Amino acid sequence: MKIFFALLIIIFLAFSGYHLTFRSFRLPLFARKFYLTGTEFLFLGLLLGPQFFNLLDAETCKGLEPLSALVLGWIGLIFGFQFEIVKIRRYLLDLFLVAVFEGILTFFIVFCGIYFILPFFMDITGSMKIVVALTLSSAATCTAQTGIALLTSDFVAIRQNIAKLLRYISSIDSLVALLIFSIVFFFRPSLFAQASWLRHLGWGALISAAACAGLLLLYLLFLSQRRDESDLTLVVIGMAVFTSGIASIINYSPLLANFFVGFCIVNLSREKERIYNILISIEKPVYLLMLVLLGAIWKPNSAWIFFLAAGYCLCRFLAKVTGGYLITRISERLKHHPGTLGFGLLEQGGLPFAILFDFQKGFPFETTLVVTSLTLWAILFNDFLSPSFLKRLLKEEG
């Protein structure tokens, strides 16, 4: 009975909160961004979790696993539909390469920092150390540009060139982050005890690729004929449910499986615009639902987690600033931009939340809960600091 009550409560909160949040008020920039991105629902989930009201306890969250997989799958489809090759090719190749370079450099710096420093603070095995380092570095690679949207139009209008550049780099960063995160699930728990892990890693990649290819072929057959809106909506919902369910059964990521399916469909199907409109119609309630479920497993009850989060935030800051500086020096097209370009790449957006939620579902260990908690604090630190650095960059550009 409790699980049905919890399900009704969180769905009510997500859909009612959709009409209350994402609205503009006269607040300081960092507070307005905190409110408009729905981050308060993360704390709402914390209140409903075991730390306070205990409505979403461990057993209830386990019973809501199908809903969690569907939420991740829906977000994965939305992100997959944002990478249409025809549109990406409109940009110059060298701009694409420097954006990829910035993302990979950020990943490399953060990965090395996490891999070599984290064992001093946590008792962690070799395989899990790689998994944690990959997850945190992929989350660190993510960039969003919500801050630009919250600035006044007149302030941004005279800086359109750098605003467009930052938006483009942030989209490529998301692609790099998801590709890096896809490696994590080849180290799923069933492989840890195996002697020949490399052979099992290859089998895991083969099985995942075959499953995605089979599902993609099935969906393309469904979409080969034009259907009315209700039938197409049913097909899209079925795609998200079926792909997320299959991914959960084979112990793979619903987020990544749906991302790859969405990426292929947007580049192969003629119904891509109609499908995207269906997906985006409930994007915000789904996002808020994910924040509530993620907040329920958040355990910010240790003081030293704050210090680890601050260290992770500092490591990511140095990586982004270094990457921004280097691409303005190695690319002829970007040399007229300030060397502090990385100041505009500090905000992480919503994708790291999805990565952490997927990571926690795929690796249900005590270490995972600690890593998730410190990363959530680090994301909040970034949300607090990024507006001032972004404004400083745009003033230098102006």
Protein backbone atom coordinates (compact mmCIF):
# COMPACT_ATOMS: atom_id res chain seq x y z
CA MET A 1 0.00 0.00 0.00
CA LYS A 2 2.84 2.36 0.85
CA ILE A 3 4.40 2.00 -2.59
CA PHE A 4 1.17 3.08 -4.33
CA PHE A 5 0.83 6.04 -1.99
CA ALA A 6 4.45 7.07 -2.63
CA LEU A 7 3.95 6.71 -6.38
CA LEU A 8 0.88 8.96 -6.34
CA ILE A 9 2.65 11.54 -4.17
CA ILE A 10 5.77 11.88 -6.32
CA ILE A 11 3.79 11.96 -9.59
CA PHE A 12 1.52 14.64 -8.12
CA LEU A 13 4.56 16.64 -6.99
CA ALA A 14 6.26 16.35 -10.39
CA PHE A 15 3.27 17.44 -12.48
CA SER A 16 2.05 20.12 -10.06
CA GLY A 17 5.58 21.40 -9.56
CA TYR A 18 5.93 21.73 -13.32
CA HIS A 19 3.34 24.51 -13.20
CA LEU A 20 4.97 26.23 -10.22
CA THR A 21 8.67 26.09 -11.09
CA PHE A 22 10.48 27.17 -14.31
CA ARG A 23 8.92 30.62 -13.89
CA SER A 24 10.80 33.90 -13.74
CA PHE A 25 10.90 36.00 -10.57
CA ARG A 26 12.97 38.98 -9.52
CA LEU A 27 15.71 37.16 -7.63
CA PRO A 28 19.53 37.25 -7.66
CA LEU A 29 20.94 35.35 -10.63
CA PHE A 30 22.21 32.34 -8.67
CA ALA A 31 18.92 32.05 -6.73
CA ARG A 32 16.83 32.46 -9.88
CA LYS A 33 18.84 29.74 -11.64
CA PHE A 34 18.49 27.47 -8.61
CA TYR A 35 14.71 27.90 -8.75
CA LEU A 36 14.21 27.81 -12.52
CA THR A 37 16.19 24.58 -12.94
CA GLY A 38 13.99 22.71 -10.46
CA THR A 39 16.84 21.93 -8.08
CA GLU A 40 14.53 22.47 -5.12
CA PHE A 41 12.91 19.13 -6.00
CA LEU A 42 16.18 17.44 -5.13
CA PHE A 43 15.74 18.69 -1.56
CA LEU A 44 12.08 17.73 -1.66
CA GLY A 45 13.13 14.17 -2.45
CA LEU A 46 15.59 14.37 0.45
CA LEU A 47 12.73 15.30 2.78
CA LEU A 48 10.65 12.36 1.55
CA GLY A 49 13.60 9.96 1.89
CA PRO A 50 14.92 7.93 4.84
CA GLN A 51 16.75 10.93 6.29
CA PHE A 52 13.49 12.70 7.23
CA PHE A 53 9.90 11.55 6.52
CA ASN A 54 10.92 8.05 5.30
CA LEU A 55 8.12 7.91 2.72
CA LEU A 56 10.61 6.86 0.04
CA ASP A 57 12.57 4.29 2.03
CA ALA A 58 14.89 1.69 0.51
CA GLU A 59 12.14 -0.91 0.04
CA THR A 60 9.77 1.58 -1.59
CA CYS A 61 12.48 2.87 -3.94
CA LYS A 62 13.24 -0.72 -4.90
CA GLY A 63 9.57 -1.23 -5.74
CA LEU A 64 9.69 1.90 -7.90
CA GLU A 65 12.58 0.53 -9.99
CA PRO A 66 10.41 0.18 -13.16
CA LEU A 67 9.41 3.85 -12.87
CA SER A 68 13.05 4.85 -12.33
CA ALA A 69 14.11 2.93 -15.45
CA LEU A 70 11.34 4.54 -17.50
CA VAL A 71 12.33 8.03 -16.31
CA LEU A 72 15.96 7.42 -17.26
CA GLY A 73 14.90 5.94 -20.59
CA TRP A 74 12.75 8.95 -21.45
CA ILE A 75 15.63 11.34 -20.65
CA GLY A 76 17.97 9.19 -22.75
CA LEU A 77 15.64 9.37 -25.75
CA ILE A 78 15.44 13.17 -25.45
CA PHE A 79 19.23 13.50 -25.37
CA GLY A 80 19.60 11.08 -28.29
CA PHE A 81 17.25 13.18 -30.41
CA GLN A 82 19.45 16.25 -29.92
CA PHE A 83 22.32 14.85 -32.01
CA GLU A 84 21.15 14.86 -35.60
CA ILE A 85 24.17 14.41 -37.86
CA VAL A 86 22.82 16.72 -40.57
CA LYS A 87 22.61 19.59 -38.10
CA ILE A 88 25.97 18.84 -36.50
CA ARG A 89 27.63 18.96 -39.93
CA ARG A 90 26.50 22.56 -40.38
CA TYR A 91 29.33 23.57 -38.07
CA LEU A 92 32.94 23.59 -39.19
CA LEU A 93 35.02 20.48 -38.56
CA ASP A 94 37.76 22.30 -36.66
CA LEU A 95 35.17 23.75 -34.27
CA PHE A 96 33.80 20.27 -33.64
CA LEU A 97 37.31 18.93 -33.02
CA VAL A 98 38.27 21.63 -30.50
CA ALA A 99 34.96 21.05 -28.66
CA VAL A 100 35.72 17.31 -28.50
CA PHE A 101 39.26 18.09 -27.36
CA GLU A 102 37.97 20.28 -24.54
CA GLY A 103 35.60 17.54 -23.37
CA ILE A 104 38.24 14.80 -23.51
CA LEU A 105 40.80 16.98 -21.70
CA THR A 106 38.29 17.68 -18.92
CA PHE A 107 37.60 13.96 -18.66
CA PHE A 108 41.30 13.08 -18.52
CA ILE A 109 42.20 15.62 -15.81
CA VAL A 110 39.25 14.74 -13.57
CA PHE A 111 39.69 11.00 -14.15
CA CYS A 112 43.34 11.11 -13.07
CA GLY A 113 42.51 13.23 -10.04
CA ILE A 114 39.71 10.92 -8.89
CA TYR A 115 41.57 7.69 -9.66
CA PHE A 116 44.70 8.57 -7.71
CA ILE A 117 43.25 10.68 -4.85
CA LEU A 118 39.94 8.99 -3.96
CA PRO A 119 41.54 5.76 -2.55
CA PHE A 120 43.15 7.88 0.19
CA PHE A 121 39.66 8.72 1.50
CA MET A 122 37.67 5.57 0.69
CA ASP A 123 38.31 1.85 0.88
CA ILE A 124 37.60 0.90 -2.72
CA THR A 125 38.51 -2.05 -4.97
CA GLY A 126 40.38 -1.77 -8.27
CA SER A 127 37.39 -2.36 -10.57
CA MET A 128 35.12 -0.08 -8.57
CA LYS A 129 37.81 2.59 -8.56
CA ILE A 130 37.71 2.64 -12.36
CA VAL A 131 33.90 2.75 -12.35
CA VAL A 132 33.77 5.66 -9.90
CA ALA A 133 36.48 7.60 -11.74
CA LEU A 134 34.71 7.11 -15.08
CA THR A 135 31.35 8.18 -13.65
CA LEU A 136 32.62 11.29 -11.90
CA SER A 137 34.74 12.35 -14.87
CA SER A 138 31.82 11.88 -17.29
CA ALA A 139 29.60 13.96 -14.99
CA ALA A 140 32.34 16.60 -14.82
CA THR A 141 32.55 16.75 -18.62
CA CYS A 142 28.91 17.86 -18.89
CA THR A 143 28.26 21.54 -19.56
CA ALA A 144 25.01 23.51 -19.74
CA GLN A 145 24.18 27.09 -20.65
CA THR A 146 21.16 27.82 -18.49
CA GLY A 147 22.98 30.85 -17.12
CA ILE A 148 23.06 32.55 -20.52
CA ALA A 149 19.31 32.11 -20.88
CA LEU A 150 18.78 33.80 -17.50
CA LEU A 151 20.81 36.90 -18.36
CA THR A 152 19.10 39.90 -19.89
CA SER A 153 18.69 39.78 -23.66
CA ASP A 154 20.44 43.14 -24.12
CA PHE A 155 23.48 41.93 -22.17
CA VAL A 156 23.75 38.77 -24.31
CA ALA A 157 22.82 40.41 -27.62
CA ILE A 158 26.18 42.17 -28.04
CA ARG A 159 27.97 38.92 -27.21
CA GLN A 160 26.15 36.57 -29.56
CA ASN A 161 29.33 34.99 -30.95
CA ILE A 162 30.62 33.68 -27.65
CA ALA A 163 27.12 32.73 -26.52
CA LYS A 164 26.68 30.53 -29.60
CA LEU A 165 30.15 29.06 -29.10
CA LEU A 166 29.41 28.15 -25.48
CA ARG A 167 26.10 26.54 -26.44
CA TYR A 168 27.79 24.47 -29.14
CA ILE A 169 30.61 23.32 -26.84
CA SER A 170 28.09 22.38 -24.15
CA SER A 171 26.18 20.15 -26.58
CA ILE A 172 29.37 18.36 -27.65
CA ASP A 173 30.39 17.98 -24.00
CA SER A 174 27.13 16.13 -23.35
CA LEU A 175 27.87 13.73 -26.21
CA VAL A 176 31.41 13.09 -24.93
CA ALA A 177 30.10 12.56 -21.38
CA LEU A 178 27.54 9.94 -22.45
CA LEU A 179 30.06 8.07 -24.59
CA ILE A 180 32.47 7.93 -21.67
CA PHE A 181 29.73 6.86 -19.28
CA SER A 182 28.81 3.99 -21.61
CA ILE A 183 32.09 2.28 -20.65
CA VAL A 184 31.02 2.08 -16.99
CA PHE A 185 28.36 -0.59 -17.48
CA PHE A 186 30.82 -3.00 -19.05
CA PHE A 187 32.24 -3.25 -15.50
CA ARG A 188 28.86 -4.23 -14.04
CA PRO A 189 28.91 -6.20 -10.76
CA SER A 190 28.52 -9.66 -12.35
CA LEU A 191 31.93 -9.24 -13.96
CA PHE A 192 33.90 -8.26 -10.86
CA ALA A 193 34.48 -11.81 -9.67
CA GLN A 194 35.51 -13.19 -13.03
CA ALA A 195 39.15 -14.02 -13.68
CA SER A 196 39.20 -13.22 -17.38
CA TRP A 197 37.42 -9.86 -17.09
CA LEU A 198 38.60 -8.68 -20.52
CA ARG A 199 36.82 -11.57 -22.25
CA HIS A 200 33.63 -10.91 -20.31
CA LEU A 201 33.97 -7.22 -21.05
CA GLY A 202 33.95 -8.03 -24.77
CA TRP A 203 30.91 -10.27 -24.37
CA GLY A 204 29.11 -7.53 -22.46
CA ALA A 205 29.77 -5.04 -25.24
CA LEU A 206 28.61 -7.53 -27.87
CA ILE A 207 25.39 -8.39 -26.03
CA SER A 208 24.54 -4.73 -25.43
CA ALA A 209 25.20 -3.79 -29.06
CA ALA A 210 23.13 -6.72 -30.35
CA ALA A 211 20.21 -5.84 -28.05
CA CYS A 212 20.22 -2.19 -29.15
CA ALA A 213 20.47 -3.18 -32.83
CA GLY A 214 17.53 -5.60 -32.53
CA LEU A 215 15.36 -3.04 -30.75
CA LEU A 216 16.28 -0.35 -33.26
CA LEU A 217 15.28 -2.56 -36.19
CA LEU A 218 11.96 -3.29 -34.50
CA TYR A 219 11.25 0.41 -33.90
CA LEU A 220 12.16 1.41 -37.45
CA LEU A 221 9.66 -1.16 -38.74
CA PHE A 222 6.97 0.42 -36.55
CA LEU A 223 7.91 3.88 -37.80
CA SER A 224 8.19 2.95 -41.49
CA GLN A 225 4.57 3.99 -42.09
CA ARG A 226 3.01 7.29 -41.15
CA ARG A 227 0.70 7.00 -38.15
CA ASP A 228 -1.76 9.36 -36.51
CA GLU A 229 -0.80 11.19 -33.34
CA SER A 230 -2.36 8.76 -30.85
CA ASP A 231 -0.76 5.69 -32.48
CA LEU A 232 2.62 7.41 -32.68
CA THR A 233 2.39 8.41 -29.01
CA LEU A 234 1.67 4.80 -28.11
CA VAL A 235 4.69 3.66 -30.15
CA VAL A 236 6.98 6.20 -28.46
CA ILE A 237 5.82 5.19 -24.98
CA GLY A 238 6.27 1.54 -25.93
CA MET A 239 9.79 2.29 -27.17
CA ALA A 240 10.78 3.88 -23.86
CA VAL A 241 9.17 1.14 -21.76
CA PHE A 242 10.49 -1.78 -23.79
CA THR A 243 14.04 -0.46 -24.18
CA SER A 244 14.29 0.50 -20.51
CA GLY A 245 12.95 -2.90 -19.46
CA ILE A 246 15.35 -4.84 -21.68
CA ALA A 247 18.27 -2.71 -20.45
CA SER A 248 17.34 -3.40 -16.82
CA ILE A 249 17.04 -7.15 -17.47
CA ILE A 250 20.51 -7.41 -19.01
CA ASN A 251 21.90 -5.12 -16.27
CA TYR A 252 22.69 -2.30 -18.66
CA SER A 253 21.87 1.40 -18.49
CA PRO A 254 18.32 2.51 -19.49
CA LEU A 255 19.72 6.01 -20.02
CA LEU A 256 22.40 4.90 -22.47
CA ALA A 257 20.31 2.26 -24.26
CA ASN A 258 17.60 4.82 -25.01
CA PHE A 259 20.18 7.44 -25.90
CA PHE A 260 21.65 5.22 -28.63
CA VAL A 261 18.17 4.28 -29.87
CA GLY A 262 17.13 7.95 -29.96
CA PHE A 263 20.34 8.93 -31.76
CA CYS A 264 19.73 6.32 -34.46
CA ILE A 265 16.02 7.10 -34.89
CA VAL A 266 16.57 10.86 -35.27
CA ASN A 267 19.04 10.14 -38.08
CA LEU A 268 17.05 7.37 -39.79
CA SER A 269 13.33 8.05 -39.32
CA ARG A 270 11.13 10.51 -41.20
CA GLU A 271 8.95 10.92 -38.10
CA LYS A 272 11.72 12.50 -36.02
CA GLU A 273 10.07 15.90 -35.58
CA ARG A 274 6.76 14.45 -34.41
CA ILE A 275 8.50 12.00 -32.09
CA TYR A 276 10.63 14.76 -30.58
CA ASN A 277 7.53 16.88 -29.91
CA ILE A 278 5.98 13.94 -28.04
CA LEU A 279 9.13 13.40 -25.99
CA ILE A 280 9.63 17.05 -25.12
CA SER A 281 5.98 17.56 -24.11
CA ILE A 282 6.57 15.92 -20.71
CA GLU A 283 10.30 16.57 -20.40
CA LYS A 284 10.03 18.84 -17.36
CA PRO A 285 7.73 16.61 -15.24
CA VAL A 286 9.99 13.64 -16.00
CA TYR A 287 13.05 15.67 -15.01
CA LEU A 288 11.43 16.76 -11.73
CA LEU A 289 10.40 13.17 -11.03
CA MET A 290 14.00 12.08 -11.47
CA LEU A 291 15.19 14.77 -9.03
CA VAL A 292 12.71 13.62 -6.39
CA LEU A 293 13.80 9.99 -6.75
CA LEU A 294 17.48 10.99 -6.71
CA GLY A 295 17.00 13.15 -3.63
CA ALA A 296 15.44 10.19 -1.80
CA ILE A 297 18.75 8.28 -1.95
CA TRP A 298 20.86 11.32 -1.04
CA LYS A 299 22.73 10.98 2.28
CA PRO A 300 24.35 14.34 3.13
CA ASN A 301 25.00 13.30 6.72
CA SER A 302 28.78 13.43 6.87
CA ALA A 303 30.88 16.58 7.20
CA TRP A 304 33.85 15.19 5.28
CA ILE A 305 31.67 14.76 2.19
CA PHE A 306 31.62 18.56 1.91
CA PHE A 307 35.42 18.63 1.68
CA LEU A 308 35.48 15.85 -0.92
CA ALA A 309 32.79 17.69 -2.92
CA ALA A 310 34.81 20.90 -2.75
CA GLY A 311 37.91 19.04 -3.96
CA TYR A 312 35.97 17.48 -6.84
CA CYS A 313 34.53 20.89 -7.71
CA LEU A 314 38.01 22.44 -7.69
CA CYS A 315 39.40 19.65 -9.88
CA ARG A 316 36.62 20.17 -12.43
CA PHE A 317 37.13 23.96 -12.30
CA LEU A 318 40.83 23.57 -13.13
CA ALA A 319 40.02 21.12 -15.93
CA LYS A 320 37.43 23.39 -17.56
CA VAL A 321 39.59 26.50 -17.26
CA THR A 322 42.59 24.63 -18.70
CA GLY A 323 40.52 23.25 -21.56
CA GLY A 324 39.01 26.64 -22.34
CA TYR A 325 42.42 28.30 -22.35
CA LEU A 326 44.02 25.68 -24.61
CA ILE A 327 41.31 25.70 -27.29
CA THR A 328 41.57 29.49 -27.57
CA ARG A 329 45.29 29.06 -28.25
CA ILE A 330 45.33 26.08 -30.61
CA SER A 331 42.40 27.15 -32.81
CA GLU A 332 42.79 30.09 -35.18
CA ARG A 333 39.02 30.70 -35.11
CA LEU A 334 38.92 31.06 -31.34
CA LYS A 335 42.01 33.20 -30.74
CA HIS A 336 39.96 36.39 -30.56
CA HIS A 337 38.04 35.00 -27.56
CA PRO A 338 39.38 35.47 -24.00
CA GLY A 339 41.65 32.82 -22.55
CA THR A 340 39.14 32.55 -19.69
CA LEU A 341 36.64 30.79 -21.98
CA GLY A 342 36.43 27.99 -19.41
CA PHE A 343 34.59 30.36 -17.05
CA GLY A 344 31.55 29.88 -19.28
CA LEU A 345 31.75 26.08 -19.10
CA LEU A 346 31.38 25.58 -15.34
CA GLU A 347 27.65 24.95 -15.14
CA GLN A 348 26.79 21.25 -15.35
CA GLY A 349 23.05 21.23 -16.06
CA GLY A 350 20.68 18.29 -15.66
CA LEU A 351 22.58 15.49 -17.40
CA PRO A 352 24.92 14.79 -14.43
CA PHE A 353 21.83 14.12 -12.29
CA ALA A 354 20.70 11.48 -14.78
CA ILE A 355 24.21 9.97 -14.89
CA LEU A 356 24.36 9.76 -11.08
CA PHE A 357 20.86 8.27 -10.85
CA ASP A 358 21.70 5.67 -13.48
CA PHE A 359 25.02 4.93 -11.79
CA GLN A 360 23.34 4.37 -8.43
CA LYS A 361 20.78 1.99 -9.96
CA GLY A 362 23.42 0.00 -11.82
CA PHE A 363 25.86 -0.26 -8.90
CA PRO A 364 23.81 -0.51 -5.65
CA PHE A 365 26.72 -0.42 -3.20
CA GLU A 366 27.41 1.66 -0.10
CA THR A 367 30.34 3.25 -1.95
CA THR A 368 27.94 4.36 -4.68
CA LEU A 369 25.75 6.22 -2.18
CA VAL A 370 28.77 8.11 -0.82
CA VAL A 371 29.98 8.99 -4.32
CA THR A 372 26.49 10.12 -5.33
CA SER A 373 26.14 12.32 -2.25
CA LEU A 374 29.46 14.12 -2.70
CA THR A 375 28.82 14.65 -6.41
CA LEU A 376 25.40 16.16 -5.74
CA TRP A 377 27.00 18.66 -3.39
CA ALA A 378 29.65 19.44 -6.02
CA ILE A 379 26.96 20.10 -8.65
CA LEU A 380 25.21 22.48 -6.26
CA PHE A 381 28.52 24.25 -5.60
CA ASN A 382 28.98 24.67 -9.36
CA ASP A 383 25.46 26.05 -9.73
CA PHE A 384 26.25 28.59 -7.04
CA LEU A 385 29.62 29.68 -8.47
CA SER A 386 29.08 29.50 -12.24
CA PRO A 387 26.87 32.65 -12.71
CA SER A 388 29.54 35.04 -11.41
CA PHE A 389 32.27 33.46 -13.55
CA LEU A 390 29.99 33.48 -16.61
CA LYS A 391 29.23 37.17 -16.18
CA ARG A 392 32.95 37.90 -15.82
CA LEU A 393 33.69 36.08 -19.08
CA LEU A 394 30.92 37.87 -20.97
CA LYS A 395 32.12 41.24 -19.67
CA GLU A 396 35.63 40.46 -20.92
CA GLU A 397 34.22 39.45 -24.29
CA GLY A 398 32.15 42.60 -24.46
